[in-house]
Protein backbone atom coordinates (compact mmCIF):
# COMPACT_ATOMS: atom_id res chain seq x y z
CA MET A 1 14.43 -53.08 123.16
CA ALA A 2 14.85 -51.30 126.47
CA ASP A 3 18.41 -52.59 126.74
CA GLY A 4 19.16 -51.18 123.29
CA ILE A 5 17.84 -47.75 124.24
CA LEU A 6 19.86 -47.76 127.48
CA ALA A 7 22.99 -48.75 125.61
CA GLN A 8 22.44 -45.95 123.12
CA GLN A 9 21.91 -43.42 125.91
CA PHE A 10 25.02 -44.68 127.71
CA ASP A 11 27.04 -44.35 124.52
CA GLU A 12 25.83 -40.77 124.08
CA GLN A 13 26.79 -39.96 127.66
CA VAL A 14 30.31 -41.28 127.08
CA LEU A 15 30.64 -39.11 123.98
CA GLN A 16 29.46 -36.01 125.83
CA LEU A 17 31.82 -36.81 128.74
CA VAL A 18 34.80 -36.93 126.35
CA TYR A 19 33.62 -33.64 124.82
CA LEU A 20 33.46 -32.16 128.33
CA VAL A 21 37.05 -33.23 129.03
CA ALA A 22 38.17 -31.67 125.73
CA ALA A 23 36.33 -28.44 126.56
CA ILE A 24 38.00 -28.29 129.99
CA MET A 25 41.38 -28.74 128.29
CA PHE A 26 40.57 -25.84 125.93
CA ILE A 27 39.69 -23.58 128.85
CA GLN A 28 42.77 -24.56 130.88
CA GLY A 29 44.99 -24.14 127.81
CA LEU A 30 43.59 -20.67 127.17
CA ARG A 31 44.12 -19.76 130.81
CA ASP A 32 47.76 -20.86 130.66
CA MET A 33 48.32 -18.82 127.51
CA THR A 34 47.67 -15.63 129.45
CA HIS A 35 51.24 -15.72 130.83
CA PRO A 36 54.45 -16.26 128.86
CA ARG A 37 55.83 -18.72 131.42
CA THR A 38 52.89 -21.11 130.98
CA ALA A 39 52.03 -20.34 127.35
CA THR A 40 53.87 -23.39 125.96
CA ARG A 41 52.07 -25.69 128.38
CA GLY A 42 48.76 -24.07 127.50
CA ASN A 43 49.39 -24.61 123.82
CA LEU A 44 50.12 -28.30 124.42
CA ILE A 45 47.02 -28.76 126.58
CA SER A 46 44.78 -27.07 124.01
CA SER A 47 46.31 -29.13 121.21
CA GLY A 48 45.70 -32.28 123.22
CA GLY A 49 42.08 -31.28 123.72
CA MET A 50 41.61 -30.74 120.00
CA PHE A 51 43.29 -34.07 119.20
CA LEU A 52 40.95 -35.80 121.65
CA ALA A 53 37.85 -34.08 120.23
CA VAL A 54 38.74 -34.80 116.59
CA THR A 55 39.69 -38.42 117.23
CA ILE A 56 36.58 -39.30 119.24
CA THR A 57 34.30 -37.56 116.73
CA VAL A 58 35.78 -39.28 113.68
CA LEU A 59 35.80 -42.74 115.27
CA TRP A 60 32.46 -42.44 117.08
CA PHE A 61 30.49 -41.47 114.00
CA GLU A 62 32.58 -43.76 111.78
CA ILE A 63 33.46 -40.88 109.47
CA LEU A 64 36.82 -42.47 108.64
CA SER A 65 38.45 -45.78 109.36
CA PRO A 66 41.17 -45.80 112.05
CA ALA A 67 43.81 -46.30 109.36
CA VAL A 68 42.65 -43.29 107.33
CA LEU A 69 42.41 -41.20 110.51
CA ALA A 70 45.96 -42.14 111.47
CA ALA A 71 47.20 -41.31 107.98
CA GLY A 72 45.44 -37.95 108.08
CA LEU A 73 46.93 -37.12 111.47
CA LEU A 74 50.40 -38.06 110.25
CA VAL A 75 50.12 -35.97 107.09
CA GLY A 76 48.63 -32.98 108.92
CA GLY A 77 51.17 -33.28 111.72
CA ALA A 78 54.03 -33.43 109.24
CA ILE A 79 52.79 -30.29 107.47
CA GLY A 80 52.42 -28.51 110.80
CA ALA A 81 55.90 -29.56 111.93
CA TYR A 82 57.38 -28.37 108.64
CA LEU A 83 55.68 -24.99 108.92
CA ALA A 84 56.82 -24.61 112.52
CA VAL A 85 60.44 -25.12 111.46
CA ALA A 86 60.47 -23.50 108.02
CA VAL A 87 58.42 -20.35 108.56
CA GLU A 88 60.48 -17.44 109.91
CA THR A 89 59.23 -15.68 113.02
CA THR A 90 58.89 -12.50 110.97
CA GLU A 91 56.41 -14.35 108.73
CA MET A 92 54.37 -15.75 111.60
CA PRO A 93 51.64 -13.08 111.26
CA GLN A 94 51.04 -14.22 107.66
CA LEU A 95 50.83 -17.83 108.83
CA VAL A 96 48.36 -16.93 111.58
CA GLY A 97 46.29 -15.10 108.97
CA LEU A 98 46.25 -18.19 106.75
CA PHE A 99 45.24 -20.40 109.68
CA ASN A 100 42.37 -18.03 110.44
CA GLY A 101 41.30 -18.23 106.81
CA PHE A 102 41.40 -22.01 106.69
CA GLY A 103 39.35 -22.19 109.87
CA GLY A 104 36.67 -19.88 108.50
CA GLY A 105 36.61 -21.62 105.12
CA ALA A 106 36.29 -25.04 106.76
CA SER A 107 33.31 -23.83 108.79
CA ALA A 108 31.51 -22.57 105.68
CA VAL A 109 32.19 -25.79 103.75
CA VAL A 110 31.13 -28.07 106.63
CA ALA A 111 27.88 -26.13 107.14
CA GLY A 112 27.13 -26.40 103.42
CA ALA A 113 27.96 -30.13 103.43
CA GLU A 114 25.49 -30.64 106.27
CA LEU A 115 22.74 -28.95 104.23
CA VAL A 116 23.55 -31.17 101.25
CA ASP A 117 23.52 -34.24 103.51
CA VAL A 118 20.13 -33.35 104.97
CA PHE A 119 18.79 -32.68 101.48
CA ALA A 120 20.09 -36.02 100.20
CA GLY A 121 18.49 -37.84 103.12
CA GLY A 122 15.14 -36.12 102.66
CA GLY A 123 15.21 -34.77 106.20
CA PRO A 124 13.54 -31.51 107.26
CA LEU A 125 15.40 -28.24 106.80
CA SER A 126 14.54 -26.59 110.10
CA VAL A 127 14.86 -22.87 110.72
CA GLU A 128 17.55 -23.60 113.31
CA LEU A 129 19.59 -25.52 110.74
CA THR A 130 19.26 -23.06 107.86
CA ALA A 131 19.77 -19.97 110.05
CA SER A 132 22.92 -21.41 111.64
CA ALA A 133 24.22 -22.46 108.22
CA ALA A 134 23.59 -18.99 106.76
CA VAL A 135 25.47 -17.29 109.61
CA ALA A 136 28.34 -19.79 109.34
CA ALA A 137 28.51 -19.16 105.59
CA ILE A 138 28.73 -15.38 105.96
CA ILE A 139 31.21 -15.28 108.85
CA GLY A 140 33.30 -18.19 107.61
CA SER A 141 33.56 -16.90 104.03
CA VAL A 142 34.43 -13.35 105.09
CA THR A 143 37.10 -14.81 107.37
CA PHE A 144 38.50 -17.00 104.57
CA SER A 145 38.91 -14.33 101.90
CA GLY A 146 39.72 -11.51 104.34
CA SER A 147 42.45 -13.55 106.02
CA PHE A 148 44.11 -14.41 102.73
CA VAL A 149 44.09 -10.75 101.71
CA ALA A 150 45.54 -9.78 105.12
CA ALA A 151 48.29 -12.39 104.78
CA GLY A 152 49.01 -11.14 101.26
CA LYS A 153 49.29 -7.52 102.44
CA LEU A 154 51.65 -8.52 105.23
CA HIS A 155 53.75 -10.52 102.78
CA GLY A 156 53.85 -7.67 100.28
CA VAL A 157 52.01 -9.48 97.46
CA VAL A 158 48.73 -7.57 97.83
CA GLY A 159 48.82 -3.84 97.23
CA ASP A 160 46.38 -1.02 97.82
CA SER A 161 42.73 -1.21 96.88
CA PRO A 162 42.17 -0.99 93.10
CA VAL A 163 38.95 1.01 93.63
CA GLY A 164 38.26 4.38 95.22
CA THR A 165 36.95 4.79 98.75
CA ASN A 166 33.34 5.56 97.80
CA THR A 167 33.24 2.76 95.24
CA GLY A 168 34.74 0.39 97.77
CA HIS A 169 32.09 1.25 100.36
CA ALA A 170 29.36 0.78 97.74
CA LEU A 171 30.72 -2.66 96.84
CA LYS A 172 30.82 -3.66 100.50
CA VAL A 173 27.19 -2.66 100.96
CA ALA A 174 26.21 -4.48 97.75
CA PHE A 175 27.91 -7.77 98.64
CA LEU A 176 26.66 -7.62 102.23
CA SER A 177 23.13 -7.03 100.97
CA VAL A 178 23.33 -9.98 98.57
CA ALA A 179 24.64 -12.25 101.32
CA LEU A 180 21.92 -11.16 103.77
CA VAL A 181 19.09 -11.45 101.23
CA ALA A 182 20.26 -14.88 100.04
CA GLY A 183 20.69 -15.99 103.66
CA THR A 184 17.16 -14.82 104.48
CA VAL A 185 15.79 -16.75 101.50
CA LEU A 186 17.64 -19.85 102.70
CA VAL A 187 16.04 -19.51 106.14
CA VAL A 188 12.52 -18.51 105.13
CA GLN A 189 11.86 -20.56 101.98
CA PRO A 190 11.94 -24.07 103.49
CA SER A 191 9.53 -23.07 106.26
CA LEU A 192 6.97 -22.01 103.62
CA PHE A 193 6.86 -25.59 102.38
CA GLY A 194 7.02 -27.45 105.68
CA GLY A 195 10.78 -27.82 105.62
CA VAL A 196 10.67 -30.30 102.74
CA PRO A 197 14.03 -30.18 100.88
CA THR A 198 14.08 -29.14 97.24
CA ALA A 199 17.04 -28.82 94.90
CA GLU A 200 16.60 -25.04 94.54
CA TRP A 201 17.70 -24.31 98.10
CA ILE A 202 21.26 -25.62 97.98
CA PRO A 203 22.55 -23.12 95.33
CA VAL A 204 21.18 -20.31 97.51
CA TYR A 205 23.66 -21.33 100.19
CA TRP A 206 26.59 -21.11 97.79
CA LEU A 207 25.35 -17.70 96.65
CA VAL A 208 25.66 -16.59 100.29
CA VAL A 209 29.21 -17.98 100.32
CA ALA A 210 30.20 -16.25 97.06
CA ALA A 211 28.85 -12.85 98.15
CA ALA A 212 30.54 -13.14 101.55
CA LEU A 213 33.87 -14.08 99.94
CA LEU A 214 33.82 -10.91 97.87
CA LEU A 215 32.75 -8.92 100.92
CA GLY A 216 35.79 -10.20 102.82
CA VAL A 217 38.11 -9.11 100.02
CA PHE A 218 36.78 -5.56 99.83
CA LEU A 219 36.68 -5.24 103.63
CA VAL A 220 40.40 -5.89 104.06
CA VAL A 221 41.98 -4.61 100.82
CA PRO A 222 41.68 -0.87 101.73
CA ILE A 223 43.18 -1.33 105.21
CA GLY A 224 46.83 -0.33 105.65
CA GLY A 225 49.65 -2.45 107.03
CA ALA A 226 49.75 -0.58 110.34
CA ASP A 227 46.25 -1.83 111.13
CA MET A 228 46.95 -5.47 110.28
CA PRO A 229 47.48 -6.49 113.96
CA VAL A 230 43.88 -5.43 114.65
CA VAL A 231 42.58 -7.08 111.48
CA ILE A 232 44.38 -10.38 112.20
CA SER A 233 42.99 -10.37 115.74
CA LEU A 234 39.45 -9.66 114.56
CA LEU A 235 39.59 -12.33 111.86
CA ASN A 236 40.80 -14.76 114.51
CA SER A 237 37.65 -13.95 116.44
CA TYR A 238 35.57 -14.44 113.29
CA SER A 239 37.08 -17.88 112.71
CA GLY A 240 36.00 -18.87 116.22
CA LEU A 241 32.49 -17.52 115.75
CA ALA A 242 32.19 -19.37 112.44
CA ALA A 243 33.26 -22.61 114.14
CA ALA A 244 30.77 -22.07 116.98
CA THR A 245 27.95 -21.45 114.51
CA THR A 246 28.89 -24.59 112.59
CA GLY A 247 28.71 -26.39 115.92
CA PHE A 248 25.04 -25.44 116.09
CA VAL A 249 24.56 -26.73 112.53
CA LEU A 250 26.08 -30.09 113.51
CA ASN A 251 24.71 -30.05 117.07
CA ASN A 252 28.29 -30.59 118.25
CA THR A 253 28.97 -29.39 121.80
CA VAL A 254 32.75 -29.32 121.70
CA LEU A 255 32.79 -27.29 118.48
CA ILE A 256 30.45 -24.74 120.04
CA VAL A 257 32.65 -24.45 123.15
CA ALA A 258 35.94 -24.23 121.24
CA GLY A 259 34.57 -21.71 118.74
CA THR A 260 33.07 -19.54 121.46
CA LEU A 261 36.36 -19.46 123.36
CA VAL A 262 38.31 -18.44 120.26
CA GLY A 263 35.68 -15.88 119.30
CA ALA A 264 35.56 -14.29 122.74
CA ALA A 265 39.34 -14.26 123.20
CA GLY A 266 39.88 -12.78 119.75
CA MET A 267 37.30 -10.06 120.33
CA ILE A 268 38.78 -9.11 123.70
CA LEU A 269 42.23 -8.91 122.13
CA THR A 270 40.84 -6.79 119.28
CA ILE A 271 39.38 -4.33 121.77
CA ILE A 272 42.70 -4.16 123.63
CA MET A 273 44.54 -3.50 120.36
CA CYS A 274 42.12 -0.72 119.40
CA GLU A 275 42.51 0.90 122.82
CA SER A 276 46.29 0.69 122.43
CA MET A 277 45.97 2.70 119.22
CA ASN A 278 43.27 5.02 120.62
CA ARG A 279 41.01 4.13 117.70
CA SER A 280 37.64 2.51 117.21
CA LEU A 281 37.13 -0.67 115.23
CA ALA A 282 35.00 1.25 112.75
CA ASN A 283 37.87 3.70 112.18
CA VAL A 284 40.23 0.79 111.48
CA PHE A 285 37.92 -0.63 108.82
CA PHE A 286 36.61 2.57 107.29
CA GLY A 287 39.10 5.27 108.26
CA GLY A 288 42.56 3.79 108.07
CA LEU A 289 45.79 5.00 109.62
CA GLY A 290 48.21 7.15 107.73
CA GLY A 291 48.50 10.71 106.62
CA ASP A 292 50.23 12.20 103.63
CA ASP A 293 54.00 12.23 103.63
CA ASP A 294 54.43 15.94 104.27
CA SER A 295 58.03 16.53 103.18
CA GLU A 296 57.90 20.23 104.07
CA GLU A 297 56.80 19.48 107.63
CA MET A 298 59.54 16.88 108.03
CA GLU A 299 62.14 19.31 106.75
CA ASP A 300 60.99 21.92 109.27
CA ILE A 301 61.32 19.44 112.14
CA TYR A 302 64.52 17.71 111.10
CA GLU A 303 66.54 20.43 109.33
CA GLY A 304 69.64 21.16 111.42
CA ASN A 305 68.25 19.33 114.44
CA ILE A 306 69.33 15.74 113.78
CA THR A 307 72.34 14.41 115.69
CA GLU A 308 73.91 11.38 114.04
CA THR A 309 75.89 9.01 116.21
CA SER A 310 78.14 5.99 115.76
CA PRO A 311 78.50 2.60 117.50
CA GLU A 312 81.58 3.90 119.31
CA GLU A 313 79.68 6.86 120.77
CA VAL A 314 76.72 4.67 121.77
CA VAL A 315 79.10 2.30 123.58
CA MET A 316 80.45 5.27 125.55
CA LEU A 317 76.88 5.98 126.72
CA MET A 318 76.41 2.32 127.63
CA GLU A 319 79.60 2.30 129.69
CA THR A 320 78.29 5.09 131.93
CA ALA A 321 74.69 3.82 132.14
CA ASP A 322 73.21 2.08 135.17
CA ARG A 323 69.87 1.40 133.53
CA VAL A 324 69.12 0.71 129.84
CA VAL A 325 65.77 0.09 128.16
CA ILE A 326 65.54 -1.38 124.67
CA VAL A 327 62.43 -0.67 122.58
CA PRO A 328 62.03 -3.13 119.68
CA GLY A 329 59.91 -2.55 116.58
CA TYR A 330 59.14 -4.15 113.26
CA GLY A 331 62.51 -3.02 111.90
CA MET A 332 64.17 -5.40 114.36
CA ALA A 333 61.92 -8.20 113.14
CA VAL A 334 62.62 -7.56 109.47
CA ALA A 335 66.39 -7.48 110.06
CA GLN A 336 66.25 -10.55 112.33
CA ALA A 337 68.26 -8.57 114.88
CA GLN A 338 66.80 -10.19 118.01
CA HIS A 339 69.79 -12.49 118.57
CA ALA A 340 72.27 -9.60 118.37
CA VAL A 341 70.05 -7.60 120.73
CA ALA A 342 69.94 -10.53 123.18
CA GLU A 343 73.73 -10.81 123.08
CA LEU A 344 74.06 -7.08 123.79
CA VAL A 345 71.73 -7.40 126.77
CA GLU A 346 73.78 -10.27 128.15
CA LEU A 347 76.99 -8.24 127.87
CA LEU A 348 75.44 -5.24 129.61
CA GLU A 349 74.13 -7.37 132.47
CA ASP A 350 77.51 -9.02 132.90
CA ASN A 351 78.82 -5.51 133.62
CA GLY A 352 76.15 -4.78 136.21
CA VAL A 353 73.76 -2.77 134.00
CA ASP A 354 70.02 -3.09 134.66
CA VAL A 355 68.42 -3.88 131.26
CA GLU A 356 64.76 -4.22 130.33
CA PHE A 357 62.64 -4.18 127.18
CA GLY A 358 59.75 -1.78 126.60
CA ILE A 359 57.09 -3.57 124.54
CA HIS A 360 54.27 -1.64 122.88
CA PRO A 361 51.06 -3.67 122.30
CA VAL A 362 50.98 -2.90 118.57
CA ALA A 363 54.69 -3.11 117.82
CA GLY A 364 55.19 -5.54 114.94
CA ARG A 365 52.52 -7.13 112.81
CA MET A 366 50.50 -9.12 115.32
CA PRO A 367 49.81 -9.14 119.07
CA GLY A 368 52.84 -10.41 120.96
CA HIS A 369 55.09 -10.31 117.88
CA MET A 370 58.01 -8.66 119.70
CA ASN A 371 57.65 -10.99 122.69
CA ALA A 372 57.82 -14.03 120.42
CA LEU A 373 60.91 -12.74 118.62
CA LEU A 374 62.74 -11.99 121.86
CA ALA A 375 61.74 -15.32 123.38
CA GLU A 376 63.18 -17.00 120.28
CA ALA A 377 66.51 -15.37 121.21
CA ASP A 378 66.19 -16.69 124.81
CA VAL A 379 65.47 -13.30 126.36
CA PRO A 380 63.89 -13.95 129.80
CA TYR A 381 60.20 -13.13 129.97
CA ASP A 382 60.62 -11.07 133.13
CA LYS A 383 62.67 -8.54 131.16
CA MET A 384 59.80 -7.76 128.77
CA ARG A 385 57.78 -4.88 130.21
CA GLU A 386 54.46 -3.76 128.84
CA LEU A 387 53.73 -0.09 128.21
CA GLU A 388 51.99 0.52 131.53
CA GLU A 389 54.88 -1.04 133.48
CA VAL A 390 57.81 0.60 131.73
CA ASN A 391 56.50 4.12 131.12
CA PRO A 392 56.86 5.31 134.75
CA THR A 393 60.53 4.20 134.74
CA PHE A 394 61.81 6.20 131.74
CA SER A 395 62.58 9.26 133.83
CA GLN A 396 65.02 7.10 135.84
CA THR A 397 66.56 5.50 132.73
CA ASP A 398 70.02 6.51 131.55
CA LEU A 399 69.78 5.18 128.00
CA VAL A 400 66.99 4.01 125.71
CA ILE A 401 67.88 2.17 122.50
CA VAL A 402 65.02 2.21 120.00
CA THR A 403 65.61 -0.35 117.27
CA GLY A 404 63.27 -0.37 114.31
CA ALA A 405 60.34 1.41 116.00
CA ASN A 406 58.78 4.73 115.02
CA ASP A 407 55.12 5.54 115.65
CA VAL A 408 55.03 3.79 119.05
CA VAL A 409 57.62 6.30 120.39
CA ASN A 410 56.39 9.40 118.57
CA PRO A 411 55.69 12.18 121.13
CA ARG A 412 53.13 13.75 118.79
CA ALA A 413 50.71 11.14 120.13
CA ASN A 414 50.67 13.12 123.38
CA GLU A 415 49.63 16.30 121.58
CA ASP A 416 46.11 17.24 120.57
CA ASP A 417 47.13 18.35 117.08
CA GLY A 418 44.80 16.19 115.01
CA SER A 419 47.60 13.93 113.75
CA PRO A 420 46.75 10.31 112.83
CA ILE A 421 48.25 9.07 116.10
CA SER A 422 46.97 11.84 118.36
CA GLY A 423 45.88 10.31 121.68
CA MET A 424 47.52 6.94 121.03
CA PRO A 425 49.31 5.58 124.11
CA ILE A 426 53.05 5.49 123.40
CA LEU A 427 56.30 4.59 125.10
CA ASN A 428 57.51 7.90 126.58
CA VAL A 429 61.17 7.29 125.77
CA ASP A 430 61.83 11.03 125.40
CA GLN A 431 61.81 11.26 129.21
CA ALA A 432 65.03 9.23 129.44
CA ARG A 433 68.44 10.87 129.85
CA HIS A 434 69.67 9.70 126.44
CA VAL A 435 67.80 8.15 123.51
CA VAL A 436 69.47 6.37 120.58
CA VAL A 437 67.19 5.58 117.65
CA ASN A 438 68.40 2.91 115.25
CA LYS A 439 66.68 3.26 111.85
CA ARG A 440 67.70 2.98 108.23
CA SER A 441 66.60 6.56 107.55
CA LEU A 442 64.33 9.37 108.72
CA SER A 443 61.41 7.94 106.76
CA PRO A 444 58.08 8.07 108.60
CA GLY A 445 56.26 5.10 110.08
CA PHE A 446 52.88 3.86 108.91
CA SER A 447 51.23 7.00 110.23
CA GLY A 448 53.07 8.96 107.53
CA ILE A 449 54.07 11.80 109.85
CA ALA A 450 57.36 13.16 111.16
CA ASN A 451 58.68 12.08 114.56
CA PRO A 452 59.90 15.03 116.68
CA LEU A 453 61.74 12.58 118.93
CA PHE A 454 64.50 12.29 116.32
CA ALA A 455 65.23 16.03 116.66
CA ARG A 456 65.21 16.21 120.47
CA ASP A 457 68.34 17.40 122.27
CA ASN A 458 68.63 14.12 124.18
CA ALA A 459 68.18 11.95 121.06
CA SER A 460 70.66 10.79 118.43
CA MET A 461 70.25 8.67 115.29
CA LEU A 462 72.22 5.49 114.63
CA PHE A 463 71.46 4.94 110.96
CA GLY A 464 71.71 1.47 109.48
CA ASP A 465 70.23 -2.02 109.33
CA ALA A 466 69.12 -3.16 112.78
CA LYS A 467 71.04 -6.44 112.76
CA GLU A 468 74.27 -4.85 111.51
CA SER A 469 73.95 -1.95 113.94
CA MET A 470 73.26 -4.15 116.96
CA GLN A 471 76.12 -6.47 116.04
CA ALA A 472 78.41 -3.45 115.73
CA LEU A 473 77.39 -2.37 119.23
CA VAL A 474 78.13 -5.86 120.51
CA ASN A 475 81.59 -5.88 118.97
CA GLU A 476 82.45 -2.38 120.15
CA TYR A 477 81.19 -3.07 123.68
CA LYS A 478 83.23 -6.26 123.89
CA GLU A 479 86.33 -4.39 122.83
CA ALA A 480 85.69 -1.52 125.22
CA THR A 481 85.10 -3.75 128.27
CA SER A 482 87.70 -6.43 127.59
C-alpha cells in the first residue's frame, strides 16, 4: 500500500517537473520574442514548450491513445503549415484575431466540459470550481465572439454597428448583467445545497456563455478600423486570461502559467498601444477614433497648396540625398509594396546613401505589422527605427518617403486643437529637408481629418498605388545611376 502511494506521488512529481520545463520554455520564448533577431528562436522554443505540455497531458491522463494523438498533431500541424504559407502578410492581423477567438472559445468549452464531467461523476461543485468556470466562460466567450468580429472588420466583411450608440451601450450593459447574474447563480446555488450536483446548474453555465458571446459582439462592432490594433492586442490578453482561469478549473499548472504570460504580455502591449495613440482604453471602446470628413476644411488646407511630383523628380532628390528615411503605412501593406521598397533601399545603399525606416507603433493593423512586412522582404532589422529613435534624426534627414501612411505623420497631432489625434505621438517627418508622400489620393486617414503635411512647402505628393510607385522609383533610379 505504501509502495503504491509512493509510486503515485513520484508519478505526480514527474508530471509537475515536465510542466515546469514547459513553463520555463514559455518564459524563455517570450523573452526571446522581445527582439527581432531572436524572435524566430523564441517562437520555436515556445512552440516546443506547448508541444511538450500538450503531449504529456494527453498521454499522462490517457485522454487519447498515442495513435490518435499523433493523428491530431499531424492534422493540426498540416493546417498550421498551410495557413503559414497561404495567408498573406497583409491578412495576418485577421488570422491573429481568429487564433485569439479560438483560444478563448476553447477555454469556455473546456471549463463547461469539466462542470459536466463533475456533474456526471457526482462529485462536489466547489465554489472554487464554479467561480473559475464562470470567469472562464465570460472572458473566453467575449474573446471568441469579439475576435471574430474584429477579424471580420479587418477583412471588410463586417460593417458598422447596426444600432445607435445609446442602444449599443444599453445592450452591452444588459448582456453583461445577464452574464454576471447567471455566473453568480452558478457560484452560489451549489453551496446552498452542500455542493451536490443537480441537472439545473449546467444550463446556467451555458446561459453565461450565450450572454457573454453577445456582449463580445456588441463590444467590438462599434469600434473603427483604426483602433483594431488595440482591440486585437486586448483580445489576445483576454485569451490568455481565459486559459489561465481554465487552468484553475482543471487544476493544471502549465495552463495557468502559459495563460498568465499571454494575459500579462497582451495587457502590457495594449497599454503601450494606447499610449502611442494618446488615448485611454475606455476611449477606444466607448469613444472611437474618427471625425467627420470635413470637405470644406480640407479644401481650405489643400486648395492651391499641393505640389504634385513624379518619379523622375523624386529620383533627382534621391541622387542628391545623403540620408533617406522611409515611413511605411498600411497603404504599403495593402499594395504589397514591401519588396519594391526593399529593392529601392538596396539601390540607395549601393550608392552610399544612409537609409533607415521610421516605424510608428500603430502603423498597420496590428503591433509589429510593418516590421513583419519589411522582414518578409529581407530588410535588416537594424534599419527599422522606432518612433523614439528616429524622431530626433529628421532634422538631419535630406529626404523622407512616406508610403501609404497618413495619421501617423499628421502634424495636427502636435497641436492642441481638439482634433481626434491631438496629442498622439507622431513621426515628425515635416522637420526633414524634403518630404515625398506616396498616396492614392488626398483622402483622410482613419481619423477623418485633413493632413497639413501634404500642403507644406517642403512636401510633395506622389499619387498612385504604392507598389507601382515604388517600382517606378526603382526603375528610374536604376536608369539615372547606370
